[in-house]
Amino acid sequence: MKFQCNIGAKGKFIRLVSGSLGVLVGIVLSSFLFFSGAELSTLWIAPASLIGGGAFAMFEGWSGWCVARALGFWTPI
């Protein structure tokens, strides 16, 4: 499947930076939970969501394709 580029250079940069920060914060949060001895429960949803969402934002920045714009929503960036 080929994605058509639908964002500019500024949008790519912002998505790459925000995605990288999301992944980084998710990794830090998961390491705090791991070293504090937290059981596998709903606490792990937050770091998993940050890592997954950040990875998807990084993909959007790398490919130049935004899912919101592809669905017809206007994004200000």
PDB file of N, CA and C in Angstrom:
ATOM      1  N   MET A   1       0.843  -1.157   0.000  1.00  0.00           N
ATOM      2  CA  MET A   1       0.000   0.000   0.000  1.00  0.00           C
ATOM      3  C   MET A   1       0.900   1.234   0.000  1.00  0.00           C
ATOM      4  N   LYS A   2       0.607   2.162  -0.891  1.00  0.00           N
ATOM      5  CA  LYS A   2       1.392   3.395  -0.992  1.00  0.00           C
ATOM      6  C   LYS A   2       0.613   4.548  -0.359  1.00  0.00           C
ATOM      7  N   PHE A   3       1.268   5.241   0.561  1.00  0.00           N
ATOM      8  CA  PHE A   3       0.668   6.402   1.207  1.00  0.00           C
ATOM      9  C   PHE A   3       1.065   7.654   0.446  1.00  0.00           C
ATOM     10  N   GLN A   4       0.104   8.508   0.149  1.00  0.00           N
ATOM     11  CA  GLN A   4       0.377   9.766  -0.533  1.00  0.00           C
ATOM     12  C   GLN A   4       0.735  10.822   0.502  1.00  0.00           C
ATOM     13  N   CYS A   5       1.807  11.545   0.259  1.00  0.00           N
ATOM     14  CA  CYS A   5       2.252  12.591   1.180  1.00  0.00           C
ATOM     15  C   CYS A   5       1.186  13.679   1.268  1.00  0.00           C
ATOM     16  N   ASN A   6       0.726  13.966   2.484  1.00  0.00           N
ATOM     17  CA  ASN A   6      -0.307  14.988   2.654  1.00  0.00           C
ATOM     18  C   ASN A   6       0.024  16.005   3.750  1.00  0.00           C
ATOM     19  N   ILE A   7       1.295  16.050   4.194  1.00  0.00           N
ATOM     20  CA  ILE A   7       1.729  17.054   5.161  1.00  0.00           C
ATOM     21  C   ILE A   7       3.036  17.669   4.675  1.00  0.00           C
ATOM     22  N   GLY A   8       3.304  18.876   5.134  1.00  0.00           N
ATOM     23  CA  GLY A   8       4.519  19.587   4.744  1.00  0.00           C
ATOM     24  C   GLY A   8       5.689  19.293   5.660  1.00  0.00           C
ATOM     25  N   ALA A   9       6.786  19.986   5.416  1.00  0.00           N
ATOM     26  CA  ALA A   9       8.009  19.773   6.183  1.00  0.00           C
ATOM     27  C   ALA A   9       7.826  20.120   7.660  1.00  0.00           C
ATOM     28  N   LYS A  10       7.078  21.186   7.956  1.00  0.00           N
ATOM     29  CA  LYS A  10       6.849  21.578   9.356  1.00  0.00           C
ATOM     30  C   LYS A  10       6.044  20.508  10.081  1.00  0.00           C
ATOM     31  N   GLY A  11       5.008  19.965   9.436  1.00  0.00           N
ATOM     32  CA  GLY A  11       4.208  18.907  10.042  1.00  0.00           C
ATOM     33  C   GLY A  11       5.003  17.631  10.255  1.00  0.00           C
ATOM     34  N   LYS A  12       5.875  17.300   9.304  1.00  0.00           N
ATOM     35  CA  LYS A  12       6.731  16.118   9.454  1.00  0.00           C
ATOM     36  C   LYS A  12       7.644  16.279  10.662  1.00  0.00           C
ATOM     37  N   PHE A  13       8.260  17.466  10.775  1.00  0.00           N
ATOM     38  CA  PHE A  13       9.178  17.718  11.878  1.00  0.00           C
ATOM     39  C   PHE A  13       8.466  17.629  13.227  1.00  0.00           C
ATOM     40  N   ILE A  14       7.316  18.250  13.321  1.00  0.00           N
ATOM     41  CA  ILE A  14       6.573  18.247  14.586  1.00  0.00           C
ATOM     42  C   ILE A  14       6.146  16.829  14.955  1.00  0.00           C
ATOM     43  N   ARG A  15       5.719  16.044  13.981  1.00  0.00           N
ATOM     44  CA  ARG A  15       5.315  14.665  14.263  1.00  0.00           C
ATOM     45  C   ARG A  15       6.501  13.805  14.681  1.00  0.00           C
ATOM     46  N   LEU A  16       7.657  14.001  14.042  1.00  0.00           N
ATOM     47  CA  LEU A  16       8.846  13.242  14.430  1.00  0.00           C
ATOM     48  C   LEU A  16       9.298  13.590  15.847  1.00  0.00           C
ATOM     49  N   VAL A  17       9.309  14.870  16.174  1.00  0.00           N
ATOM     50  CA  VAL A  17       9.754  15.300  17.505  1.00  0.00           C
ATOM     51  C   VAL A  17       8.765  14.857  18.578  1.00  0.00           C
ATOM     52  N   SER A  18       7.471  15.080  18.348  1.00  0.00           N
ATOM     53  CA  SER A  18       6.484  14.677  19.358  1.00  0.00           C
ATOM     54  C   SER A  18       6.434  13.157  19.499  1.00  0.00           C
ATOM     55  N   GLY A  19       6.590  12.436  18.410  1.00  0.00           N
ATOM     56  CA  GLY A  19       6.615  10.975  18.490  1.00  0.00           C
ATOM     57  C   GLY A  19       7.824  10.470  19.255  1.00  0.00           C
ATOM     58  N   SER A  20       8.976  11.092  19.012  1.00  0.00           N
ATOM     59  CA  SER A  20      10.192  10.704  19.739  1.00  0.00           C
ATOM     60  C   SER A  20      10.047  10.971  21.228  1.00  0.00           C
ATOM     61  N   LEU A  21       9.465  12.120  21.566  1.00  0.00           N
ATOM     62  CA  LEU A  21       9.246  12.431  22.986  1.00  0.00           C
ATOM     63  C   LEU A  21       8.253  11.462  23.619  1.00  0.00           C
ATOM     64  N   GLY A  22       7.214  11.089  22.884  1.00  0.00           N
ATOM     65  CA  GLY A  22       6.239  10.130  23.402  1.00  0.00           C
ATOM     66  C   GLY A  22       6.867   8.776  23.681  1.00  0.00           C
ATOM     67  N   VAL A  23       7.684   8.307  22.755  1.00  0.00           N
ATOM     68  CA  VAL A  23       8.371   7.027  22.960  1.00  0.00           C
ATOM     69  C   VAL A  23       9.327   7.119  24.139  1.00  0.00           C
ATOM     70  N   LEU A  24      10.072   8.209  24.223  1.00  0.00           N
ATOM     71  CA  LEU A  24      11.019   8.384  25.320  1.00  0.00           C
ATOM     72  C   LEU A  24      10.315   8.426  26.676  1.00  0.00           C
ATOM     73  N   VAL A  25       9.241   9.197  26.790  1.00  0.00           N
ATOM     74  CA  VAL A  25       8.493   9.270  28.049  1.00  0.00           C
ATOM     75  C   VAL A  25       7.874   7.911  28.382  1.00  0.00           C
ATOM     76  N   GLY A  26       7.384   7.204  27.381  1.00  0.00           N
ATOM     77  CA  GLY A  26       6.825   5.872  27.611  1.00  0.00           C
ATOM     78  C   GLY A  26       7.858   4.888  28.129  1.00  0.00           C
ATOM     79  N   ILE A  27       9.065   4.960  27.578  1.00  0.00           N
ATOM     80  CA  ILE A  27      10.134   4.070  28.047  1.00  0.00           C
ATOM     81  C   ILE A  27      10.539   4.416  29.469  1.00  0.00           C
ATOM     82  N   VAL A  28      10.656   5.703  29.771  1.00  0.00           N
ATOM     83  CA  VAL A  28      11.019   6.118  31.131  1.00  0.00           C
ATOM     84  C   VAL A  28       9.933   5.696  32.123  1.00  0.00           C
ATOM     85  N   LEU A  29       8.668   5.918  31.770  1.00  0.00           N
ATOM     86  CA  LEU A  29       7.567   5.533  32.652  1.00  0.00           C
ATOM     87  C   LEU A  29       7.518   4.022  32.855  1.00  0.00           C
ATOM     88  N   SER A  30       7.740   3.255  31.804  1.00  0.00           N
ATOM     89  CA  SER A  30       7.718   1.805  31.954  1.00  0.00           C
ATOM     90  C   SER A  30       8.897   1.313  32.788  1.00  0.00           C
ATOM     91  N   SER A  31      10.047   1.986  32.683  1.00  0.00           N
ATOM     92  CA  SER A  31      11.171   1.568  33.521  1.00  0.00           C
ATOM     93  C   SER A  31      10.904   1.889  34.991  1.00  0.00           C
ATOM     94  N   PHE A  32      10.253   3.034  35.263  1.00  0.00           N
ATOM     95  CA  PHE A  32       9.874   3.325  36.653  1.00  0.00           C
ATOM     96  C   PHE A  32       8.910   2.274  37.184  1.00  0.00           C
ATOM     97  N   LEU A  33       7.937   1.901  36.382  1.00  0.00           N
ATOM     98  CA  LEU A  33       6.985   0.881  36.822  1.00  0.00           C
ATOM     99  C   LEU A  33       7.670  -0.469  37.031  1.00  0.00           C
ATOM    100  N   PHE A  34       8.587  -0.811  36.143  1.00  0.00           N
ATOM    101  CA  PHE A  34       9.276  -2.093  36.251  1.00  0.00           C
ATOM    102  C   PHE A  34      10.137  -2.149  37.505  1.00  0.00           C
ATOM    103  N   PHE A  35      10.928  -1.093  37.729  1.00  0.00           N
ATOM    104  CA  PHE A  35      11.835  -1.106  38.874  1.00  0.00           C
ATOM    105  C   PHE A  35      11.122  -0.869  40.202  1.00  0.00           C
ATOM    106  N   SER A  36       9.906  -0.351  40.164  1.00  0.00           N
ATOM    107  CA  SER A  36       9.155  -0.210  41.412  1.00  0.00           C
ATOM    108  C   SER A  36       8.422  -1.500  41.763  1.00  0.00           C
ATOM    109  N   GLY A  37       8.450  -2.471  40.871  1.00  0.00           N
ATOM    110  CA  GLY A  37       7.838  -3.764  41.144  1.00  0.00           C
ATOM    111  C   GLY A  37       6.351  -3.806  40.885  1.00  0.00           C
ATOM    112  N   ALA A  38       5.864  -2.964  40.017  1.00  0.00           N
ATOM    113  CA  ALA A  38       4.431  -2.938  39.711  1.00  0.00           C
ATOM    114  C   ALA A  38       4.016  -4.213  38.990  1.00  0.00           C
ATOM    115  N   GLU A  39       2.889  -4.739  39.389  1.00  0.00           N
ATOM    116  CA  GLU A  39       2.351  -5.936  38.751  1.00  0.00           C
ATOM    117  C   GLU A  39       1.814  -5.590  37.367  1.00  0.00           C
ATOM    118  N   LEU A  40       1.683  -6.597  36.542  1.00  0.00           N
ATOM    119  CA  LEU A  40       1.119  -6.401  35.208  1.00  0.00           C
ATOM    120  C   LEU A  40      -0.375  -6.148  35.361  1.00  0.00           C
ATOM    121  N   SER A  41      -0.749  -4.894  35.249  1.00  0.00           N
ATOM    122  CA  SER A  41      -2.142  -4.510  35.445  1.00  0.00           C
ATOM    123  C   SER A  41      -2.442  -3.328  34.536  1.00  0.00           C
ATOM    124  N   THR A  42      -3.470  -2.588  34.887  1.00  0.00           N
ATOM    125  CA  THR A  42      -3.864  -1.452  34.070  1.00  0.00           C
ATOM    126  C   THR A  42      -2.852  -0.305  34.127  1.00  0.00           C
ATOM    127  N   LEU A  43      -1.908  -0.337  35.068  1.00  0.00           N
ATOM    128  CA  LEU A  43      -0.867   0.690  35.122  1.00  0.00           C
ATOM    129  C   LEU A  43      -0.027   0.702  33.857  1.00  0.00           C
ATOM    130  N   TRP A  44       0.108  -0.431  33.214  1.00  0.00           N
ATOM    131  CA  TRP A  44       0.967  -0.541  32.042  1.00  0.00           C
ATOM    132  C   TRP A  44       0.309  -0.009  30.777  1.00  0.00           C
ATOM    133  N   ILE A  45      -0.968   0.345  30.846  1.00  0.00           N
ATOM    134  CA  ILE A  45      -1.650   0.887  29.663  1.00  0.00           C
ATOM    135  C   ILE A  45      -1.049   2.237  29.267  1.00  0.00           C
ATOM    136  N   ALA A  46      -0.715   3.058  30.242  1.00  0.00           N
ATOM    137  CA  ALA A  46      -0.174   4.395  29.956  1.00  0.00           C
ATOM    138  C   ALA A  46       1.149   4.332  29.188  1.00  0.00           C
ATOM    139  N   PRO A  47       2.162   3.605  29.678  1.00  0.00           N
ATOM    140  CA  PRO A  47       3.409   3.581  28.903  1.00  0.00           C
ATOM    141  C   PRO A  47       3.262   2.869  27.556  1.00  0.00           C
ATOM    142  N   ALA A  48       2.429   1.849  27.500  1.00  0.00           N
ATOM    143  CA  ALA A  48       2.223   1.157  26.226  1.00  0.00           C
ATOM    144  C   ALA A  48       1.548   2.078  25.218  1.00  0.00           C
ATOM    145  N   SER A  49       0.600   2.888  25.679  1.00  0.00           N
ATOM    146  CA  SER A  49      -0.070   3.845  24.795  1.00  0.00           C
ATOM    147  C   SER A  49       0.884   4.935  24.332  1.00  0.00           C
ATOM    148  N   LEU A  50       1.726   5.423  25.231  1.00  0.00           N
ATOM    149  CA  LEU A  50       2.700   6.444  24.855  1.00  0.00           C
ATOM    150  C   LEU A  50       3.688   5.915  23.819  1.00  0.00           C
ATOM    151  N   ILE A  51       4.158   4.701  24.019  1.00  0.00           N
ATOM    152  CA  ILE A  51       5.111   4.123  23.082  1.00  0.00           C
ATOM    153  C   ILE A  51       4.443   3.843  21.737  1.00  0.00           C
ATOM    154  N   GLY A  52       3.249   3.266  21.760  1.00  0.00           N
ATOM    155  CA  GLY A  52       2.535   2.976  20.516  1.00  0.00           C
ATOM    156  C   GLY A  52       2.136   4.230  19.761  1.00  0.00           C
ATOM    157  N   GLY A  53       1.594   5.212  20.466  1.00  0.00           N
ATOM    158  CA  GLY A  53       1.209   6.466  19.833  1.00  0.00           C
ATOM    159  C   GLY A  53       2.407   7.238  19.318  1.00  0.00           C
ATOM    160  N   GLY A  54       3.477   7.237  20.090  1.00  0.00           N
ATOM    161  CA  GLY A  54       4.693   7.912  19.653  1.00  0.00           C
ATOM    162  C   GLY A  54       5.303   7.258  18.425  1.00  0.00           C
ATOM    163  N   ALA A  55       5.280   5.934  18.395  1.00  0.00           N
ATOM    164  CA  ALA A  55       5.804   5.224  17.228  1.00  0.00           C
ATOM    165  C   ALA A  55       4.959   5.529  15.993  1.00  0.00           C
ATOM    166  N   PHE A  56       3.650   5.619  16.161  1.00  0.00           N
ATOM    167  CA  PHE A  56       2.789   5.940  15.028  1.00  0.00           C
ATOM    168  C   PHE A  56       3.021   7.371  14.554  1.00  0.00           C
ATOM    169  N   ALA A  57       3.221   8.309  15.477  1.00  0.00           N
ATOM    170  CA  ALA A  57       3.513   9.693  15.099  1.00  0.00           C
ATOM    171  C   ALA A  57       4.852   9.783  14.368  1.00  0.00           C
ATOM    172  N   MET A  58       5.824   8.991  14.805  1.00  0.00           N
ATOM    173  CA  MET A  58       7.099   8.955  14.107  1.00  0.00           C
ATOM    174  C   MET A  58       6.935   8.393  12.701  1.00  0.00           C
ATOM    175  N   PHE A  59       6.093   7.389  12.536  1.00  0.00           N
ATOM    176  CA  PHE A  59       5.808   6.847  11.206  1.00  0.00           C
ATOM    177  C   PHE A  59       5.167   7.899  10.319  1.00  0.00           C
ATOM    178  N   GLU A  60       4.217   8.655  10.880  1.00  0.00           N
ATOM    179  CA  GLU A  60       3.576   9.719  10.108  1.00  0.00           C
ATOM    180  C   GLU A  60       4.592  10.770   9.667  1.00  0.00           C
ATOM    181  N   GLY A  61       5.489  11.143  10.555  1.00  0.00           N
ATOM    182  CA  GLY A  61       6.515  12.121  10.212  1.00  0.00           C
ATOM    183  C   GLY A  61       7.494  11.598   9.188  1.00  0.00           C
ATOM    184  N   TRP A  62       7.855  10.348   9.301  1.00  0.00           N
ATOM    185  CA  TRP A  62       8.800   9.748   8.364  1.00  0.00           C
ATOM    186  C   TRP A  62       8.186   9.591   6.972  1.00  0.00           C
ATOM    187  N   SER A  63       6.931   9.162   6.920  1.00  0.00           N
ATOM    188  CA  SER A  63       6.298   8.900   5.628  1.00  0.00           C
ATOM    189  C   SER A  63       5.650  10.143   5.020  1.00  0.00           C
ATOM    190  N   GLY A  64       5.375  11.164   5.839  1.00  0.00           N
ATOM    191  CA  GLY A  64       4.716  12.362   5.340  1.00  0.00           C
ATOM    192  C   GLY A  64       3.225  12.196   5.165  1.00  0.00           C
ATOM    193  N   TRP A  65       2.666  11.192   5.779  1.00  0.00           N
ATOM    194  CA  TRP A  65       1.244  10.883   5.647  1.00  0.00           C
ATOM    195  C   TRP A  65       0.582  11.026   7.011  1.00  0.00           C
ATOM    196  N   CYS A  66      -0.526  11.768   7.066  1.00  0.00           N
ATOM    197  CA  CYS A  66      -1.254  11.991   8.315  1.00  0.00           C
ATOM    198  C   CYS A  66      -2.618  11.317   8.223  1.00  0.00           C
ATOM    199  N   VAL A  67      -2.955  10.502   9.188  1.00  0.00           N
ATOM    200  CA  VAL A  67      -4.228   9.781   9.166  1.00  0.00           C
ATOM    201  C   VAL A  67      -5.402  10.738   9.292  1.00  0.00           C
ATOM    202  N   ALA A  68      -5.271  11.790  10.083  1.00  0.00           N
ATOM    203  CA  ALA A  68      -6.375  12.746  10.237  1.00  0.00           C
ATOM    204  C   ALA A  68      -6.662  13.452   8.920  1.00  0.00           C
ATOM    205  N   ARG A  69      -5.612  13.865   8.237  1.00  0.00           N
ATOM    206  CA  ARG A  69      -5.814  14.518   6.938  1.00  0.00           C
ATOM    207  C   ARG A  69      -6.339  13.545   5.900  1.00  0.00           C
ATOM    208  N   ALA A  70      -5.923  12.301   5.964  1.00  0.00           N
ATOM    209  CA  ALA A  70      -6.424  11.309   5.026  1.00  0.00           C
ATOM    210  C   ALA A  70      -7.908  11.054   5.212  1.00  0.00           C
ATOM    211  N   LEU A  71      -8.401  11.245   6.433  1.00  0.00           N
ATOM    212  CA  LEU A  71      -9.828  11.078   6.716  1.00  0.00           C
ATOM    213  C   LEU A  71     -10.625  12.341   6.436  1.00  0.00           C
ATOM    214  N   GLY A  72      -9.959  13.423   6.034  1.00  0.00           N
ATOM    215  CA  GLY A  72     -10.659  14.644   5.663  1.00  0.00           C
ATOM    216  C   GLY A  72     -10.713  15.710   6.733  1.00  0.00           C
ATOM    217  N   PHE A  73     -10.045  15.499   7.857  1.00  0.00           N
ATOM    218  CA  PHE A  73     -10.021  16.500   8.921  1.00  0.00           C
ATOM    219  C   PHE A  73      -8.929  17.515   8.636  1.00  0.00           C
ATOM    220  N   TRP A  74      -9.186  18.773   8.986  1.00  0.00           N
ATOM    221  CA  TRP A  74      -8.188  19.815   8.814  1.00  0.00           C
ATOM    222  C   TRP A  74      -7.319  19.869  10.064  1.00  0.00           C
ATOM    223  N   THR A  75      -6.016  19.883   9.886  1.00  0.00           N
ATOM    224  CA  THR A  75      -5.097  20.022  11.008  1.00  0.00           C
ATOM    225  C   THR A  75      -4.339  21.341  10.825  1.00  0.00           C
ATOM    226  N   PRO A  76      -4.154  22.101  11.889  1.00  0.00           N
ATOM    227  CA  PRO A  76      -3.562  23.432  11.745  1.00  0.00           C
ATOM    228  C   PRO A  76      -2.072  23.443  11.425  1.00  0.00           C
ATOM    229  N   ILE A  77      -1.403  22.325  11.513  1.00  0.00           N
ATOM    230  CA  ILE A  77       0.052  22.299  11.285  1.00  0.00           C
ATOM    231  C   ILE A  77       0.322  21.920   9.843  1.00  0.00           C
TER     232      ILE A  77
END
